[in-house]
Protein backbone atom coordinates (compact mmCIF):
# COMPACT_ATOMS: atom_id res chain seq x y z
CA MET A 1 115.75 119.87 104.22
CA THR A 2 119.10 117.97 102.75
CA TRP A 3 119.37 114.62 101.30
CA ARG A 4 122.64 112.86 101.81
CA GLY A 5 122.03 109.56 100.08
CA THR A 6 121.74 107.92 96.88
CA ARG A 7 120.71 110.26 94.02
CA LEU A 8 117.15 110.57 93.89
CA SER A 9 115.27 110.48 90.57
CA GLU A 10 113.30 113.50 89.45
CA ASP A 11 109.92 111.95 90.57
CA GLN A 12 111.26 111.12 94.08
CA ARG A 13 112.91 114.74 94.59
CA ASP A 14 109.23 116.11 93.64
CA LEU A 15 107.78 113.74 96.12
CA ALA A 16 110.46 114.68 98.79
CA ALA A 17 109.81 118.63 98.04
CA MET A 18 106.10 117.96 98.32
CA LEU A 19 106.25 116.31 101.59
CA ASP A 20 108.54 119.02 103.00
CA ALA A 21 106.40 122.09 101.60
CA LEU A 22 103.38 120.18 103.46
CA ALA A 23 104.81 119.86 106.87
CA ASN A 24 106.35 123.61 106.64
CA ASP A 25 102.93 124.98 105.26
CA ARG A 26 100.75 123.12 107.80
CA ALA A 27 103.22 123.78 110.44
CA ILE A 28 101.14 121.11 112.73
CA ASP A 29 102.17 120.03 116.10
CA LEU A 30 101.18 116.42 117.11
CA SER A 31 102.69 116.64 120.36
CA ASN A 32 99.18 117.13 122.03
CA ASP A 33 98.30 113.80 120.84
CA ASP A 34 94.80 115.26 119.37
CA PRO A 35 93.16 112.57 117.28
CA ALA A 36 91.32 114.93 115.27
CA THR A 37 94.44 116.95 113.86
CA ILE A 38 96.02 113.33 113.41
CA ALA A 39 93.17 112.09 111.37
CA ARG A 40 93.47 115.14 109.55
CA VAL A 41 96.95 114.89 108.38
CA ARG A 42 96.39 111.31 107.78
CA LYS A 43 93.54 112.09 105.26
CA GLU A 44 95.40 114.78 103.47
CA LEU A 45 98.53 112.06 102.88
CA ALA A 46 95.93 109.68 101.79
CA GLU A 47 94.47 112.20 99.43
CA LEU A 48 97.98 113.04 97.95
CA GLY A 49 98.61 109.58 97.19
CA VAL A 50 101.36 108.88 100.13
CA TRP A 51 99.49 107.16 102.48
CA THR A 52 99.54 103.54 100.54
CA LEU A 53 102.00 104.82 97.94
CA GLY A 54 103.75 101.55 97.81
CA VAL A 55 100.73 99.09 97.76
CA SER A 56 100.06 97.47 94.29
CA GLU A 57 97.75 99.22 92.03
CA GLU A 58 95.94 95.81 91.86
CA HIS A 59 95.07 95.99 95.72
CA GLY A 60 94.15 99.67 95.29
CA GLY A 61 97.35 101.86 96.01
CA GLY A 62 99.91 103.74 94.45
CA GLY A 63 102.20 100.92 92.77
CA ALA A 64 105.10 102.93 93.52
CA ASP A 65 108.53 100.99 93.59
CA PRO A 66 110.22 100.24 96.79
CA PHE A 67 112.70 103.05 96.32
CA THR A 68 110.41 105.54 95.76
CA VAL A 69 108.44 104.33 99.10
CA GLY A 70 111.69 104.52 101.24
CA ALA A 71 112.07 108.20 100.02
CA ALA A 72 108.41 108.88 101.24
CA MET A 73 108.82 107.29 104.30
CA GLU A 74 112.22 109.00 104.89
CA ARG A 75 110.64 112.56 104.62
CA LEU A 76 107.75 111.34 106.85
CA GLY A 77 110.41 110.31 109.35
CA ARG A 78 111.91 113.95 109.33
CA HIS A 79 108.66 115.75 110.04
CA TRP A 80 106.19 113.47 111.77
CA PRO A 81 107.75 109.77 111.89
CA ALA A 82 104.65 108.30 114.20
CA LEU A 83 102.73 108.83 110.88
CA GLY A 84 105.75 107.44 108.82
CA TRP A 85 105.47 104.32 111.11
CA ALA A 86 101.54 104.00 110.97
CA SER A 87 101.78 104.34 107.01
CA THR A 88 104.48 101.39 107.05
CA GLN A 89 101.93 99.22 109.22
CA THR A 90 99.21 100.28 106.54
CA HIS A 91 101.42 99.06 103.74
CA ALA A 92 102.11 95.96 105.55
CA ALA A 93 98.58 94.88 106.12
CA LEU A 94 97.36 95.42 102.79
CA ASP A 95 100.23 93.56 101.56
CA ALA A 96 99.02 90.53 103.75
CA LEU A 97 95.42 91.50 102.81
CA GLY A 98 95.83 91.42 99.15
CA ASP A 99 95.70 87.58 99.07
CA LEU A 100 91.84 87.72 100.25
CA GLU A 101 89.28 87.49 97.89
CA PRO A 102 88.90 91.31 96.11
CA ASP A 103 85.60 91.81 97.88
CA ALA A 104 86.31 90.37 101.35
CA TYR A 105 86.49 93.30 103.82
CA ALA A 106 86.06 95.86 101.47
CA ASN A 107 85.31 98.66 103.90
CA LEU A 108 88.48 97.84 105.86
CA ARG A 109 90.81 98.08 102.61
CA ASP A 110 89.02 101.53 101.33
CA GLY A 111 89.36 102.60 105.02
CA LEU A 112 93.08 101.88 105.19
CA HIS A 113 93.60 103.59 101.86
CA SER A 114 91.71 106.69 102.87
CA GLY A 115 93.56 107.11 106.12
CA THR A 116 90.16 106.86 107.96
CA THR A 117 90.89 103.44 109.48
CA THR A 118 94.20 102.32 110.65
CA ILE A 119 95.63 98.96 111.93
CA ALA A 120 98.31 97.72 114.04
CA VAL A 121 100.69 95.18 112.49
CA VAL A 122 102.27 92.86 115.19
CA ASP A 123 104.44 89.90 115.30
CA SER A 124 102.60 86.82 117.67
CA ALA A 125 106.33 85.95 118.62
CA ALA A 126 107.27 89.56 120.06
CA VAL A 127 107.46 89.75 123.81
CA HIS A 128 104.65 92.24 123.95
CA VAL A 129 102.31 90.17 122.46
CA GLN A 130 100.35 87.75 124.71
CA LEU A 131 97.64 86.06 123.00
CA ASP A 132 96.19 82.62 123.40
CA SER A 133 93.03 80.76 121.53
CA THR A 134 90.71 78.11 122.84
CA GLY A 135 89.38 77.47 119.71
CA ALA A 136 85.94 79.55 120.56
CA ARG A 137 88.07 82.59 121.58
CA LEU A 138 91.05 84.38 121.02
CA THR A 139 92.13 86.28 124.13
CA GLY A 140 94.96 88.11 125.73
CA ALA A 141 96.90 91.56 125.28
CA ILE A 142 99.13 93.35 123.03
CA ASP A 143 101.10 95.85 125.37
CA ARG A 144 102.18 98.05 122.74
CA VAL A 145 100.78 99.62 119.37
CA ASP A 146 101.45 102.78 117.74
CA THR A 147 98.91 103.57 114.94
CA SER A 148 98.27 107.09 115.22
CA ALA A 149 94.56 106.17 116.12
CA ASP A 150 92.87 105.19 119.50
CA SER A 151 90.95 102.08 118.18
CA PRO A 152 92.78 100.20 115.42
CA SER A 153 92.31 96.88 113.83
CA VAL A 154 95.29 94.42 114.57
CA LEU A 155 96.64 92.13 112.05
CA VAL A 156 99.08 89.49 114.30
CA LEU A 157 101.40 87.99 111.82
CA ASP A 158 101.80 84.56 112.95
CA GLY A 159 104.63 82.87 111.60
CA ALA A 160 106.02 83.28 107.88
CA ASN A 161 102.63 82.38 106.10
CA ARG A 162 99.88 83.31 108.28
CA ALA A 163 98.33 86.12 110.08
CA ILE A 164 95.19 86.71 111.92
CA LEU A 165 92.99 89.81 111.60
CA ILE A 166 91.46 91.30 114.56
CA PRO A 167 88.58 93.60 114.33
CA SER A 168 88.64 97.03 116.22
CA ALA A 169 85.54 95.90 118.02
CA ALA A 170 87.03 92.90 119.51
CA THR A 171 89.71 95.12 121.27
CA ALA A 172 89.82 97.45 124.12
CA SER A 173 92.43 100.12 124.18
CA VAL A 174 94.31 102.22 126.90
CA PRO A 175 96.42 104.95 126.48
CA ILE A 176 100.02 104.67 127.44
CA ARG A 177 102.57 107.30 127.91
CA GLY A 178 105.51 107.33 125.51
CA THR A 179 108.56 109.16 125.13
CA GLY A 180 108.62 110.16 121.63
CA LEU A 181 106.69 109.71 118.28
CA ASP A 182 104.33 112.52 118.93
CA GLY A 183 100.94 111.65 117.26
CA ALA A 184 101.45 107.86 117.54
CA LEU A 185 98.67 107.87 120.45
CA THR A 186 100.40 104.54 121.83
CA ARG A 187 98.12 102.02 123.10
CA SER A 188 97.92 98.65 124.96
CA LEU A 189 95.25 96.51 123.75
CA THR A 190 93.00 93.62 125.46
CA VAL A 191 91.90 91.50 123.02
CA ASP A 192 88.70 89.22 123.38
CA ALA A 193 87.50 87.76 120.10
CA ALA A 194 84.95 85.17 119.13
CA ALA A 195 86.37 82.66 116.60
CA GLU A 196 83.98 83.86 113.98
CA ASP A 197 84.84 87.41 114.34
CA ILE A 198 88.42 86.81 113.37
CA VAL A 199 90.04 85.87 109.92
CA GLU A 200 92.88 83.62 109.03
CA VAL A 201 94.92 85.26 106.37
CA THR A 202 97.37 82.90 104.48
CA GLY A 203 99.84 83.47 101.45
CA PRO A 204 103.18 84.91 100.29
CA GLY A 205 101.68 88.53 101.23
CA ILE A 206 102.27 87.45 105.08
CA ALA A 207 106.33 87.32 104.26
CA ALA A 208 106.13 90.47 102.33
CA ALA A 209 104.17 92.08 105.28
CA HIS A 210 107.36 91.11 107.52
CA ILE A 211 109.72 92.96 104.97
CA ARG A 212 107.62 95.96 104.62
CA LEU A 213 107.59 96.56 108.25
CA MET A 214 111.41 96.38 108.50
CA LEU A 215 112.16 98.56 105.36
CA GLY A 216 110.08 100.98 106.58
CA ALA A 217 111.51 101.41 109.85
CA THR A 218 114.67 101.72 108.19
CA ALA A 219 113.52 104.67 106.13
CA VAL A 220 111.73 106.61 109.30
CA ALA A 221 114.86 106.06 111.30
CA ALA A 222 116.49 107.52 108.43
CA GLY A 223 114.51 110.74 108.56
CA ILE A 224 114.89 111.12 112.49
CA ALA A 225 118.74 111.11 111.78
CA GLY A 226 118.52 113.44 108.89
CA ALA A 227 116.30 115.87 110.72
CA ALA A 228 118.42 115.76 113.96
CA SER A 229 121.79 116.38 111.84
CA ASP A 230 120.24 119.40 110.01
CA ASP A 231 118.91 121.12 113.05
CA ALA A 232 122.39 120.61 114.58
CA LEU A 233 124.19 122.20 111.51
CA GLU A 234 121.71 125.28 111.61
CA TYR A 235 122.06 125.59 115.45
CA THR A 236 126.03 125.50 115.27
CA ARG A 237 126.03 128.01 112.34
CA SER A 238 124.15 130.41 114.19
CA ARG A 239 125.48 130.22 117.53
CA HIS A 240 128.02 132.46 118.58
CA GLN A 241 130.89 131.60 121.24
CA PHE A 242 134.39 133.13 121.96
CA GLY A 243 134.07 135.46 119.22
CA GLY A 244 132.84 133.47 116.39
CA PRO A 245 130.09 130.81 115.30
CA LEU A 246 130.49 127.26 116.95
CA THR A 247 131.42 125.98 113.74
CA ALA A 248 134.78 127.52 114.11
CA ILE A 249 135.63 125.08 116.87
CA PRO A 250 137.40 121.86 115.15
CA THR A 251 135.74 119.21 117.23
CA VAL A 252 132.12 120.63 116.75
CA ARG A 253 133.21 120.52 112.83
CA LEU A 254 134.18 116.97 113.23
CA SER A 255 130.80 115.86 115.02
CA LEU A 256 128.76 117.86 112.52
CA PHE A 257 130.58 115.59 109.73
CA ASP A 258 130.16 112.48 111.73
CA GLN A 259 126.57 113.02 111.90
CA SER A 260 126.12 113.94 108.23
CA ALA A 261 128.24 111.05 107.00
CA ARG A 262 125.92 108.61 109.29
CA THR A 263 122.78 110.34 107.77
CA ALA A 264 124.27 109.89 104.34
CA VAL A 265 124.70 105.99 105.10
CA LEU A 266 121.00 106.08 106.56
CA ASP A 267 119.46 107.66 103.47
CA SER A 268 121.04 105.37 101.33
CA LEU A 269 119.78 102.38 103.52
CA ALA A 270 116.17 103.91 103.09
CA LEU A 271 116.41 103.44 99.39
CA CYS A 272 117.25 99.40 99.83
CA ALA A 273 114.87 96.86 98.32
CA THR A 274 115.00 93.21 99.36
CA ASP A 275 113.29 90.32 99.32
CA ASP A 276 115.22 88.83 102.40
CA LEU A 277 113.79 89.00 105.86
CA VAL A 278 117.24 88.69 107.58
CA THR A 279 118.98 91.33 105.39
CA ALA A 280 115.58 93.64 105.92
CA THR A 281 115.76 93.24 109.45
CA GLY A 282 119.51 93.91 109.66
CA LEU A 283 118.99 97.22 108.00
CA ALA A 284 116.24 98.17 110.29
CA ARG A 285 118.47 97.45 113.25
CA ARG A 286 121.29 99.09 112.05
CA ALA A 287 119.18 102.28 111.23
CA CYS A 288 117.15 102.32 114.36
CA ALA A 289 120.69 102.42 116.37
CA ASP A 290 122.34 104.71 114.19
CA ALA A 291 119.46 107.03 114.22
CA ILE A 292 119.77 106.96 118.18
CA ASP A 293 123.63 107.68 117.58
CA VAL A 294 123.02 110.72 115.32
CA ALA A 295 120.39 111.94 117.48
CA THR A 296 122.64 111.84 120.76
CA SER A 297 125.34 113.51 119.03
CA ALA A 298 123.08 116.13 117.57
CA LEU A 299 121.38 117.03 120.96
CA GLN A 300 125.27 117.24 122.17
CA SER A 301 126.07 119.68 119.37
CA HIS A 302 123.35 122.28 120.85
CA GLY A 303 125.17 122.05 124.50
CA GLY A 304 122.84 122.66 127.53
CA TYR A 305 120.00 124.34 125.17
CA GLY A 306 119.63 120.77 123.32
CA TYR A 307 117.67 119.63 126.54
CA LEU A 308 115.33 122.21 126.45
CA SER A 309 111.84 121.41 124.72
CA GLU A 310 112.16 125.13 122.92
CA TYR A 311 114.74 123.26 120.44
CA PRO A 312 114.12 119.95 118.19
CA ALA A 313 116.97 118.18 119.42
CA GLU A 314 115.54 116.38 122.74
CA ARG A 315 112.57 115.45 120.61
CA HIS A 316 114.60 113.93 117.81
CA LEU A 317 116.37 111.87 120.44
CA ARG A 318 113.15 110.76 121.87
CA ASP A 319 111.60 109.97 118.42
CA ALA A 320 114.77 107.42 117.69
CA ILE A 321 114.30 105.80 120.98
CA SER A 322 110.83 105.36 120.60
CA LEU A 323 110.99 104.19 117.05
CA ARG A 324 113.14 101.33 118.02
CA ALA A 325 110.85 100.35 120.89
CA ALA A 326 107.57 100.68 118.71
CA THR A 327 109.25 98.43 115.71
CA ASP A 328 110.34 95.89 118.19
CA VAL A 329 113.36 95.72 115.95
CA ASP A 330 115.60 93.95 118.47
CA GLY A 331 113.16 91.29 118.76
CA ALA A 332 112.71 90.81 115.03
CA ALA A 333 116.40 90.62 115.16
CA GLU A 334 116.54 87.70 117.37
CA ARG A 335 113.84 85.92 115.21
CA ALA A 336 115.98 86.68 111.92
CA ALA A 337 119.00 85.68 113.70
CA ALA A 338 117.36 82.03 114.27
CA LEU A 339 116.13 81.96 110.82
CA LEU A 340 119.46 82.71 109.59
CA VAL A 341 121.20 79.65 111.17
CA GLY A 342 118.09 77.54 110.19
CA ARG A 343 116.47 77.17 113.71
CA PRO A 344 113.22 79.54 113.40
CA SER A 345 111.56 80.32 116.50
CA ASN A 346 108.13 78.89 117.09
CA PRO A 347 106.32 80.54 114.64
CA THR A 348 102.50 80.51 116.16
CA LEU A 349 101.56 81.38 119.85
CA ILE A 350 98.05 81.21 118.39
CA LYS A 351 97.31 77.58 118.27
CA GLU A 352 93.92 77.56 116.83
CA ALA A 353 92.46 80.97 115.38
CA SER A 354 89.90 79.77 113.15
């Protein structure tokens, strides 16, 4: 696979090559949404140190810098974007939970690091989150989570400095059909939790979690675009029409150039690091939109064959569209826009969680 963005360090190139080799050697198809297969890949990524690569060493992770994490998430976006998004949520949750006492919820932390436990991280202000608290119970629904597992725990980011941890035992999940992100095991959740079963988390890790989600979405989107662009180039080189390869046609070459150029920008965005939520959200929104555009052009480069499932072009487009929905990046942009002009939206839908 190619890399067209900012030059990677030697360690980052080795990491990318390792993930490419893993995907090529395993040739694992996640399209059947088999939980056992998905769990096996998650565990292998954890054993390789990728699953929580960017979580601080103090909190049990790999301690990698944001640039290296971006390179890893971009590679996951190329091969298994659903797992890239699930890993991003795991990173965000551990960022937030790092402010708890070291021994608090050790089993959950250990499970997240090992890939045996998954967690959905959502914003209480998102349109697909409808939660309410009477003080005694927290009830409601979360219309969509994509964690590559059928019964995740949930971390609700409730404003800039507070989150609510809901155990998996307090939720009931129902599978819902998704267009893309094979292996996401997309679910809707019904929540019914007693006050004593949920945990309020506060501290600077909550703000870091918001940013982590947006930067992860950026990198995964870059990976989807990169895979789509590479596949279009390979197809047009090998496909002959009118006595020569499709790449002999000037309009085809220009389209391939545009795809590669936009992918180069996205690859560079994948390596961005920022402490500003508005910036991170802007990157994610741009990346998700551009990934859809690149995947659309790549599909058109295949002609009518692009719509056949035998070719990867249609899958890349479905993945790009599904990633934008799974990350709620448009909703996040609305909230960041309010923050930008000094009018943050109501930070809490959960009034009395503890």
